[in-house]
Amino acid sequence: MKLAVFRCAQCGQTWFPARYFCPTCGGATWENVEVERGTVCESTVLRHRVAGSEDVAVNIASIRTDRGPVVIAAMPYAPADGDAVSLAIDENARITAWADETGDSDEH
């Protein structure tokens, strides 16, 4: 499934997650904009999780999407800041990212 961010139809500002009203202009009409790539801003490894969860380390990263908004995504490896990544929603409705082999990510 593809990840979408939300663009205000009135002023064009993009946001994630969705909002009732645009913080920039107060508009209430939104367009879904698909996002496929981004750039890693920061990353960390979660080693301790809540009781009952698998005791497996999880890599997560803050990723600036090519459309602007930053999302938090799970990753299969520990990325470096500035890495270009591809983005999607997995079968458990989680944002996931992996190395972008095309190298087409634009930094904003």
N, C-alpha and C. Protein backbone atom coordinates (compact mmCIF):
# COMPACT_ATOMS: atom_id res chain seq x y z
N MET A 1 0.85 -1.16 0.00
CA MET A 1 0.00 0.00 0.00
C MET A 1 0.91 1.24 0.00
N LYS A 2 0.49 2.25 -0.70
CA LYS A 2 1.30 3.47 -0.78
C LYS A 2 0.98 4.42 0.36
N LEU A 3 1.99 5.16 0.78
CA LEU A 3 1.85 6.17 1.82
C LEU A 3 1.31 7.45 1.19
N ALA A 4 0.40 8.13 1.89
CA ALA A 4 -0.13 9.40 1.41
C ALA A 4 0.07 10.47 2.47
N VAL A 5 0.40 11.68 2.02
CA VAL A 5 0.39 12.86 2.88
C VAL A 5 -0.78 13.71 2.40
N PHE A 6 -1.04 14.81 3.08
CA PHE A 6 -2.26 15.56 2.82
C PHE A 6 -1.92 17.00 2.47
N ARG A 7 -2.37 17.43 1.27
CA ARG A 7 -2.10 18.78 0.78
C ARG A 7 -3.37 19.61 0.90
N CYS A 8 -3.23 20.79 1.52
CA CYS A 8 -4.36 21.71 1.64
C CYS A 8 -4.73 22.22 0.26
N ALA A 9 -6.00 22.08 -0.11
CA ALA A 9 -6.47 22.53 -1.41
C ALA A 9 -6.46 24.05 -1.52
N GLN A 10 -6.46 24.74 -0.38
CA GLN A 10 -6.51 26.20 -0.39
C GLN A 10 -5.12 26.83 -0.54
N CYS A 11 -4.13 26.37 0.25
CA CYS A 11 -2.81 27.02 0.22
C CYS A 11 -1.69 26.13 -0.33
N GLY A 12 -1.95 24.82 -0.48
CA GLY A 12 -0.95 23.92 -1.04
C GLY A 12 0.05 23.35 -0.05
N GLN A 13 -0.05 23.72 1.23
CA GLN A 13 0.87 23.20 2.26
C GLN A 13 0.57 21.72 2.48
N THR A 14 1.62 20.90 2.66
CA THR A 14 1.42 19.47 2.91
C THR A 14 1.71 19.13 4.36
N TRP A 15 0.92 18.17 4.89
CA TRP A 15 1.00 17.79 6.30
C TRP A 15 0.88 16.29 6.45
N PHE A 16 1.41 15.78 7.55
CA PHE A 16 1.19 14.40 7.97
C PHE A 16 1.36 14.38 9.48
N PRO A 17 0.42 13.79 10.20
CA PRO A 17 -0.79 13.10 9.74
C PRO A 17 -1.87 14.09 9.33
N ALA A 18 -3.03 13.54 8.95
CA ALA A 18 -4.16 14.36 8.52
C ALA A 18 -4.62 15.28 9.65
N ARG A 19 -5.19 16.41 9.28
CA ARG A 19 -5.73 17.38 10.24
C ARG A 19 -7.12 17.81 9.78
N TYR A 20 -7.90 18.32 10.72
CA TYR A 20 -9.22 18.83 10.35
C TYR A 20 -9.08 20.13 9.59
N PHE A 21 -8.21 21.02 10.09
CA PHE A 21 -8.01 22.33 9.46
C PHE A 21 -6.52 22.55 9.20
N CYS A 22 -6.20 23.23 8.13
CA CYS A 22 -4.82 23.53 7.79
C CYS A 22 -4.25 24.52 8.81
N PRO A 23 -3.13 24.20 9.46
CA PRO A 23 -2.53 25.12 10.42
C PRO A 23 -2.02 26.41 9.77
N THR A 24 -1.79 26.39 8.46
CA THR A 24 -1.27 27.56 7.77
C THR A 24 -2.38 28.55 7.41
N CYS A 25 -3.47 28.05 6.81
CA CYS A 25 -4.50 28.97 6.30
C CYS A 25 -5.90 28.73 6.86
N GLY A 26 -6.11 27.64 7.58
CA GLY A 26 -7.43 27.34 8.13
C GLY A 26 -8.33 26.58 7.17
N GLY A 27 -7.83 26.26 5.98
CA GLY A 27 -8.63 25.51 5.00
C GLY A 27 -9.02 24.14 5.53
N ALA A 28 -10.12 23.61 5.01
CA ALA A 28 -10.61 22.31 5.49
C ALA A 28 -10.80 21.30 4.36
N THR A 29 -10.27 21.60 3.17
CA THR A 29 -10.37 20.68 2.05
C THR A 29 -8.97 20.14 1.75
N TRP A 30 -8.86 18.82 1.69
CA TRP A 30 -7.56 18.17 1.55
C TRP A 30 -7.49 17.28 0.32
N GLU A 31 -6.30 17.16 -0.24
CA GLU A 31 -6.03 16.24 -1.34
C GLU A 31 -5.00 15.22 -0.85
N ASN A 32 -5.23 13.95 -1.12
CA ASN A 32 -4.23 12.92 -0.79
C ASN A 32 -3.14 12.95 -1.84
N VAL A 33 -1.89 12.96 -1.40
CA VAL A 33 -0.75 12.97 -2.30
C VAL A 33 0.13 11.77 -1.95
N GLU A 34 0.31 10.86 -2.89
CA GLU A 34 1.13 9.68 -2.64
C GLU A 34 2.60 10.06 -2.51
N VAL A 35 3.28 9.39 -1.60
CA VAL A 35 4.70 9.62 -1.36
C VAL A 35 5.41 8.27 -1.47
N GLU A 36 6.45 8.21 -2.27
CA GLU A 36 7.18 6.96 -2.46
C GLU A 36 8.61 7.01 -1.94
N ARG A 37 9.15 8.22 -1.74
CA ARG A 37 10.56 8.34 -1.35
C ARG A 37 10.77 9.41 -0.30
N GLY A 38 11.93 9.33 0.34
CA GLY A 38 12.30 10.34 1.32
C GLY A 38 13.78 10.23 1.67
N THR A 39 14.19 11.04 2.65
CA THR A 39 15.58 11.08 3.09
C THR A 39 15.62 10.94 4.61
N VAL A 40 16.48 10.05 5.11
CA VAL A 40 16.60 9.83 6.55
C VAL A 40 17.15 11.09 7.22
N CYS A 41 16.42 11.58 8.24
CA CYS A 41 16.88 12.72 9.04
C CYS A 41 17.65 12.22 10.26
N GLU A 42 17.06 11.25 10.97
CA GLU A 42 17.65 10.66 12.17
C GLU A 42 17.16 9.23 12.30
N SER A 43 17.92 8.42 13.05
CA SER A 43 17.46 7.05 13.28
C SER A 43 17.90 6.59 14.67
N THR A 44 17.25 5.54 15.13
CA THR A 44 17.60 4.94 16.42
C THR A 44 17.18 3.47 16.40
N VAL A 45 17.61 2.75 17.42
CA VAL A 45 17.25 1.34 17.56
C VAL A 45 16.47 1.18 18.86
N LEU A 46 15.27 0.60 18.78
CA LEU A 46 14.49 0.29 19.97
C LEU A 46 14.88 -1.10 20.43
N ARG A 47 15.44 -1.19 21.62
CA ARG A 47 15.90 -2.48 22.14
C ARG A 47 14.98 -3.03 23.22
N HIS A 48 14.23 -2.16 23.89
CA HIS A 48 13.32 -2.58 24.97
C HIS A 48 11.91 -2.19 24.57
N ARG A 49 11.02 -3.17 24.55
CA ARG A 49 9.65 -2.92 24.13
C ARG A 49 8.70 -3.33 25.24
N VAL A 50 7.43 -3.02 25.07
CA VAL A 50 6.44 -3.32 26.10
C VAL A 50 6.31 -4.82 26.31
N ALA A 51 5.83 -5.19 27.50
CA ALA A 51 5.66 -6.60 27.84
C ALA A 51 4.79 -7.31 26.81
N GLY A 52 5.16 -8.51 26.50
CA GLY A 52 4.38 -9.30 25.56
C GLY A 52 4.83 -9.15 24.12
N SER A 53 5.67 -8.16 23.83
CA SER A 53 6.17 -7.96 22.48
C SER A 53 7.39 -8.84 22.25
N GLU A 54 7.68 -9.08 21.00
CA GLU A 54 8.90 -9.82 20.66
C GLU A 54 10.11 -9.06 21.20
N ASP A 55 11.08 -9.79 21.68
CA ASP A 55 12.29 -9.17 22.21
C ASP A 55 13.32 -9.03 21.09
N VAL A 56 12.96 -8.27 20.07
CA VAL A 56 13.81 -8.07 18.91
C VAL A 56 14.04 -6.58 18.74
N ALA A 57 15.29 -6.19 18.47
CA ALA A 57 15.59 -4.78 18.23
C ALA A 57 14.89 -4.32 16.95
N VAL A 58 14.39 -3.09 16.97
CA VAL A 58 13.69 -2.52 15.82
C VAL A 58 14.36 -1.21 15.44
N ASN A 59 14.73 -1.08 14.16
CA ASN A 59 15.29 0.17 13.65
C ASN A 59 14.15 1.08 13.23
N ILE A 60 14.17 2.33 13.70
CA ILE A 60 13.19 3.31 13.25
C ILE A 60 13.93 4.58 12.82
N ALA A 61 13.29 5.35 11.95
CA ALA A 61 13.92 6.57 11.45
C ALA A 61 12.89 7.66 11.22
N SER A 62 13.32 8.90 11.42
CA SER A 62 12.55 10.07 11.00
C SER A 62 12.95 10.32 9.55
N ILE A 63 11.95 10.38 8.68
CA ILE A 63 12.23 10.51 7.25
C ILE A 63 11.47 11.71 6.69
N ARG A 64 12.21 12.63 6.07
CA ARG A 64 11.57 13.77 5.40
C ARG A 64 11.16 13.27 4.02
N THR A 65 9.84 13.24 3.79
CA THR A 65 9.33 12.76 2.51
C THR A 65 9.67 13.76 1.41
N ASP A 66 9.64 13.30 0.17
CA ASP A 66 9.90 14.18 -0.96
C ASP A 66 8.84 15.28 -1.09
N ARG A 67 7.71 15.11 -0.41
CA ARG A 67 6.65 16.13 -0.43
C ARG A 67 6.75 17.08 0.75
N GLY A 68 7.69 16.83 1.69
CA GLY A 68 7.92 17.76 2.79
C GLY A 68 7.71 17.23 4.19
N PRO A 69 6.54 16.65 4.51
CA PRO A 69 6.31 16.21 5.88
C PRO A 69 7.28 15.11 6.32
N VAL A 70 7.55 15.08 7.62
CA VAL A 70 8.40 14.05 8.22
C VAL A 70 7.51 12.94 8.77
N VAL A 71 7.90 11.69 8.51
CA VAL A 71 7.19 10.52 9.04
C VAL A 71 8.19 9.66 9.81
N ILE A 72 7.68 8.83 10.70
CA ILE A 72 8.50 7.86 11.43
C ILE A 72 8.25 6.50 10.79
N ALA A 73 9.32 5.80 10.41
CA ALA A 73 9.17 4.52 9.72
C ALA A 73 10.06 3.44 10.33
N ALA A 74 9.58 2.21 10.29
CA ALA A 74 10.39 1.05 10.66
C ALA A 74 11.30 0.72 9.48
N MET A 75 12.52 0.26 9.79
CA MET A 75 13.47 -0.07 8.73
C MET A 75 14.11 -1.43 9.02
N PRO A 76 14.50 -2.17 7.98
CA PRO A 76 15.11 -3.49 8.18
C PRO A 76 16.59 -3.43 8.55
N TYR A 77 17.17 -2.24 8.58
CA TYR A 77 18.59 -2.07 8.91
C TYR A 77 18.75 -0.71 9.59
N ALA A 78 19.93 -0.45 10.13
CA ALA A 78 20.21 0.85 10.76
C ALA A 78 20.71 1.81 9.68
N PRO A 79 19.89 2.77 9.26
CA PRO A 79 20.29 3.67 8.18
C PRO A 79 21.22 4.78 8.67
N ALA A 80 21.87 5.42 7.74
CA ALA A 80 22.69 6.59 8.04
C ALA A 80 21.88 7.84 7.72
N ASP A 81 22.12 8.92 8.47
CA ASP A 81 21.47 10.19 8.15
C ASP A 81 21.79 10.55 6.70
N GLY A 82 20.77 10.99 5.97
CA GLY A 82 20.96 11.37 4.58
C GLY A 82 20.69 10.26 3.58
N ASP A 83 20.51 9.02 4.06
CA ASP A 83 20.21 7.92 3.14
C ASP A 83 18.90 8.17 2.41
N ALA A 84 18.87 7.87 1.11
CA ALA A 84 17.64 7.92 0.32
C ALA A 84 16.89 6.61 0.56
N VAL A 85 15.58 6.70 0.81
CA VAL A 85 14.78 5.51 1.09
C VAL A 85 13.47 5.54 0.30
N SER A 86 12.91 4.35 0.10
CA SER A 86 11.57 4.19 -0.46
C SER A 86 10.63 3.97 0.70
N LEU A 87 9.37 4.39 0.55
CA LEU A 87 8.37 4.32 1.62
C LEU A 87 7.12 3.58 1.18
N ALA A 88 6.48 2.89 2.11
CA ALA A 88 5.20 2.23 1.85
C ALA A 88 4.53 1.94 3.18
N ILE A 89 3.29 1.47 3.11
CA ILE A 89 2.54 1.00 4.27
C ILE A 89 2.51 -0.52 4.18
N ASP A 90 2.89 -1.22 5.26
CA ASP A 90 2.92 -2.68 5.22
C ASP A 90 1.55 -3.28 5.55
N GLU A 91 1.49 -4.62 5.58
CA GLU A 91 0.22 -5.33 5.82
C GLU A 91 -0.34 -5.10 7.21
N ASN A 92 0.49 -4.58 8.14
CA ASN A 92 0.03 -4.27 9.50
C ASN A 92 -0.23 -2.78 9.68
N ALA A 93 -0.33 -2.04 8.57
CA ALA A 93 -0.62 -0.60 8.55
C ALA A 93 0.49 0.24 9.19
N ARG A 94 1.73 -0.26 9.10
CA ARG A 94 2.88 0.49 9.61
C ARG A 94 3.63 1.11 8.43
N ILE A 95 4.18 2.30 8.66
CA ILE A 95 5.03 2.92 7.64
C ILE A 95 6.37 2.20 7.68
N THR A 96 6.82 1.75 6.52
CA THR A 96 8.11 1.07 6.42
C THR A 96 8.98 1.77 5.38
N ALA A 97 10.28 1.64 5.55
CA ALA A 97 11.23 2.24 4.61
C ALA A 97 12.37 1.27 4.35
N TRP A 98 12.98 1.38 3.19
CA TRP A 98 14.12 0.55 2.83
C TRP A 98 14.98 1.34 1.85
N ALA A 99 16.20 0.86 1.62
CA ALA A 99 17.14 1.57 0.75
C ALA A 99 16.51 1.84 -0.60
N ASP A 100 16.62 3.08 -1.06
CA ASP A 100 16.09 3.48 -2.37
C ASP A 100 17.18 3.24 -3.40
N GLU A 101 17.00 2.23 -4.20
CA GLU A 101 18.02 1.86 -5.19
C GLU A 101 18.10 2.85 -6.35
N THR A 102 17.06 3.68 -6.54
CA THR A 102 17.08 4.63 -7.66
C THR A 102 17.90 5.87 -7.36
N GLY A 103 17.99 6.23 -6.06
CA GLY A 103 18.73 7.43 -5.69
C GLY A 103 18.06 8.71 -6.11
N ASP A 104 16.72 8.66 -6.36
CA ASP A 104 15.99 9.84 -6.84
C ASP A 104 15.43 10.72 -5.74
N SER A 105 15.75 10.49 -4.48
CA SER A 105 15.18 11.26 -3.38
C SER A 105 15.66 12.70 -3.44
N ASP A 106 14.71 13.65 -3.33
CA ASP A 106 15.03 15.07 -3.28
C ASP A 106 15.06 15.52 -1.84
N GLU A 107 16.09 16.25 -1.42
CA GLU A 107 16.11 16.80 -0.07
C GLU A 107 15.39 18.14 -0.09
N HIS A 108 14.60 18.40 0.97
CA HIS A 108 13.89 19.68 1.10
C HIS A 108 14.40 20.42 2.28
